[in-house]
C-alpha atoms as a PDB file:
ATOM      1  CA  UNK A   1      -6.414 -12.943   4.068  1.00  0.00           C
ATOM      2  CA  UNK A   2      -3.556 -11.451   2.064  1.00  0.00           C
ATOM      3  CA  UNK A   3      -3.663  -7.667   2.176  1.00  0.00           C
ATOM      4  CA  UNK A   4      -1.729  -5.012   0.258  1.00  0.00           C
ATOM      5  CA  UNK A   5      -0.754  -1.703   1.893  1.00  0.00           C
ATOM      6  CA  UNK A   6      -1.361   1.458  -0.169  1.00  0.00           C
ATOM      7  CA  UNK A   7      -0.503   5.031   0.730  1.00  0.00           C
ATOM      8  CA  UNK A   8       1.453   8.134  -0.112  1.00  0.00           C
ATOM      9  CA  UNK A   9       5.178   7.809  -0.816  1.00  0.00           C
ATOM     10  CA  UNK A  10       6.019  10.551  -3.332  1.00  0.00           C
ATOM     11  CA  UNK A  11       7.107  13.874  -1.811  1.00  0.00           C
ATOM     12  CA  UNK A  12       7.509  12.401   1.688  1.00  0.00           C
ATOM     13  CA  UNK A  13      10.909  11.864   3.322  1.00  0.00           C
ATOM     14  CA  UNK A  14      11.948   8.216   3.052  1.00  0.00           C
ATOM     15  CA  UNK A  15      12.117   7.667   6.811  1.00  0.00           C
ATOM     16  CA  UNK A  16       8.537   8.972   7.164  1.00  0.00           C
ATOM     17  CA  UNK A  17       6.846   6.837   4.530  1.00  0.00           C
ATOM     18  CA  UNK A  18       8.870   3.746   5.480  1.00  0.00           C
ATOM     19  CA  UNK A  19       7.770   4.101   9.097  1.00  0.00           C
ATOM     20  CA  UNK A  20       4.112   4.501   8.073  1.00  0.00           C
ATOM     21  CA  UNK A  21       4.194   1.365   5.901  1.00  0.00           C
ATOM     22  CA  UNK A  22       6.218  -0.649   8.433  1.00  0.00           C
ATOM     23  CA  UNK A  23       3.890   0.294  11.294  1.00  0.00           C
ATOM     24  CA  UNK A  24       0.842  -0.605   9.216  1.00  0.00           C
ATOM     25  CA  UNK A  25       2.450  -3.923   8.295  1.00  0.00           C
ATOM     26  CA  UNK A  26       3.206  -4.669  11.938  1.00  0.00           C
ATOM     27  CA  UNK A  27      -0.358  -3.854  13.015  1.00  0.00           C
ATOM     28  CA  UNK A  28      -1.875  -5.980  10.257  1.00  0.00           C
ATOM     29  CA  UNK A  29       0.384  -8.906  11.144  1.00  0.00           C
ATOM     30  CA  UNK A  30      -0.756  -8.631  14.771  1.00  0.00           C
ATOM     31  CA  UNK A  31      -4.315  -8.938  13.473  1.00  0.00           C
ATOM     32  CA  UNK A  32      -3.264 -12.170  11.705  1.00  0.00           C
ATOM     33  CA  UNK A  33      -3.342 -10.813   8.151  1.00  0.00           C
ATOM     34  CA  UNK A  34      -0.716 -11.871   5.651  1.00  0.00           C
ATOM     35  CA  UNK A  35       0.739  -8.638   4.295  1.00  0.00           C
ATOM     36  CA  UNK A  36       2.257  -7.318   1.088  1.00  0.00           C
ATOM     37  CA  UNK A  37       4.265  -4.200   1.841  1.00  0.00           C
ATOM     38  CA  UNK A  38       5.051  -2.705  -1.588  1.00  0.00           C
ATOM     39  CA  UNK A  39       8.167  -1.039  -0.199  1.00  0.00           C
ATOM     40  CA  UNK A  40       9.625  -4.511   0.300  1.00  0.00           C
ATOM     41  CA  UNK A  41       8.860  -5.874  -3.166  1.00  0.00           C
ATOM     42  CA  UNK A  42      11.858  -6.588  -5.404  1.00  0.00           C
ATOM     43  CA  UNK A  43      11.878  -3.925  -8.100  1.00  0.00           C
ATOM     44  CA  UNK A  44      14.272  -4.955 -10.850  1.00  0.00           C
ATOM     45  CA  UNK A  45      13.756  -2.353 -13.543  1.00  0.00           C
ATOM     46  CA  UNK A  46      14.634   1.213 -14.497  1.00  0.00           C
ATOM     47  CA  UNK A  47      12.972   2.590 -11.324  1.00  0.00           C
ATOM     48  CA  UNK A  48      10.476   4.777 -13.162  1.00  0.00           C
ATOM     49  CA  UNK A  49       7.220   5.617 -11.407  1.00  0.00           C
ATOM     50  CA  UNK A  50       5.237   3.689 -14.027  1.00  0.00           C
ATOM     51  CA  UNK A  51       7.356   0.569 -13.552  1.00  0.00           C
ATOM     52  CA  UNK A  52       6.944   0.697  -9.771  1.00  0.00           C
ATOM     53  CA  UNK A  53       3.188   1.057 -10.197  1.00  0.00           C
ATOM     54  CA  UNK A  54       3.009  -1.771 -12.744  1.00  0.00           C
ATOM     55  CA  UNK A  55       4.789  -4.167 -10.378  1.00  0.00           C
ATOM     56  CA  UNK A  56       2.747  -2.978  -7.404  1.00  0.00           C
ATOM     57  CA  UNK A  57      -0.512  -3.601  -9.276  1.00  0.00           C
ATOM     58  CA  UNK A  58       0.661  -7.122 -10.145  1.00  0.00           C
ATOM     59  CA  UNK A  59       1.211  -7.721  -6.426  1.00  0.00           C
ATOM     60  CA  UNK A  60      -2.145  -6.182  -5.510  1.00  0.00           C
ATOM     61  CA  UNK A  61      -3.930  -8.393  -8.035  1.00  0.00           C
ATOM     62  CA  UNK A  62      -2.724 -11.469  -6.093  1.00  0.00           C
ATOM     63  CA  UNK A  63      -4.098 -10.096  -2.811  1.00  0.00           C
ATOM     64  CA  UNK A  64      -7.519 -10.477  -1.256  1.00  0.00           C
ATOM     65  CA  UNK A  65      -7.687  -6.858  -0.222  1.00  0.00           C
ATOM     66  CA  UNK A  66      -6.019  -3.500   0.251  1.00  0.00           C
ATOM     67  CA  UNK A  67      -5.294  -1.508   3.395  1.00  0.00           C
ATOM     68  CA  UNK A  68      -5.456   2.176   2.544  1.00  0.00           C
ATOM     69  CA  UNK A  69      -3.256   4.339   4.751  1.00  0.00           C
ATOM     70  CA  UNK A  70      -5.008   7.504   5.934  1.00  0.00           C
ATOM     71  CA  UNK A  71      -3.094   9.617   3.366  1.00  0.00           C
ATOM     72  CA  UNK A  72      -4.001   7.512   0.310  1.00  0.00           C
ATOM     73  CA  UNK A  73      -6.105  10.251  -1.293  1.00  0.00           C
ATOM     74  CA  UNK A  74      -2.974  12.447  -1.497  1.00  0.00           C
ATOM     75  CA  UNK A  75      -1.198   9.912  -3.709  1.00  0.00           C
ATOM     76  CA  UNK A  76      -1.724   9.439  -7.424  1.00  0.00           C
ATOM     77  CA  UNK A  77      -0.410   5.867  -7.159  1.00  0.00           C
ATOM     78  CA  UNK A  78      -2.623   4.965  -4.201  1.00  0.00           C
ATOM     79  CA  UNK A  79      -5.651   6.431  -5.994  1.00  0.00           C
ATOM     80  CA  UNK A  80      -4.911   4.090  -8.895  1.00  0.00           C
ATOM     81  CA  UNK A  81      -4.387   1.168  -6.489  1.00  0.00           C
ATOM     82  CA  UNK A  82      -7.738   1.977  -4.839  1.00  0.00           C
ATOM     83  CA  UNK A  83      -9.501   2.054  -8.217  1.00  0.00           C
ATOM     84  CA  UNK A  84      -7.781  -1.230  -9.143  1.00  0.00           C
ATOM     85  CA  UNK A  85      -8.836  -2.879  -5.868  1.00  0.00           C
ATOM     86  CA  UNK A  86     -12.438  -1.794  -6.426  1.00  0.00           C
ATOM     87  CA  UNK A  87     -12.322  -2.945 -10.058  1.00  0.00           C
ATOM     88  CA  UNK A  88     -11.191  -6.423  -8.987  1.00  0.00           C
ATOM     89  CA  UNK A  89     -13.657  -6.604  -6.075  1.00  0.00           C
ATOM     90  CA  UNK A  90     -10.982  -6.643  -3.384  1.00  0.00           C
ATOM     91  CA  UNK A  91     -11.846  -6.028   0.237  1.00  0.00           C
ATOM     92  CA  UNK A  92     -10.772  -2.484   1.123  1.00  0.00           C
ATOM     93  CA  UNK A  93      -9.909  -1.469   4.667  1.00  0.00           C
ATOM     94  CA  UNK A  94      -9.355   2.215   5.429  1.00  0.00           C
ATOM     95  CA  UNK A  95      -6.988   3.360   8.143  1.00  0.00           C
ATOM     96  CA  UNK A  96      -8.827   5.781  10.432  1.00  0.00           C
ATOM     97  CA  UNK A  97      -7.472   9.346  10.360  1.00  0.00           C
ATOM     98  CA  UNK A  98      -6.846   9.245  14.085  1.00  0.00           C
ATOM     99  CA  UNK A  99      -4.360   6.378  13.708  1.00  0.00           C
ATOM    100  CA  UNK A 100      -1.686   8.053  11.623  1.00  0.00           C
ATOM    101  CA  UNK A 101       1.432   6.023  12.572  1.00  0.00           C
ATOM    102  CA  UNK A 102       3.680   9.055  12.881  1.00  0.00           C
END
């Protein structure tokens, strides 16, 4: 199963959100998922929020499911990714609050 990681990035320090996404990726790989970490996608554009989201949704569309980091509800982009995953009948896995990958 190919799974996309979604969670809060905006307003977090880079080292914090990168660690959260990298740790989630590592854990999913250990569980034998194939993983799309949106932080590692090539983004060749003007770097606007909308362009990032557009490219991330293209990547999510190719996936079988989404892994929602525990903080996804605090992110406008992750809320959109969640809606998109539901709209396209993707499997959605929610990270438990007690596993926060600090």
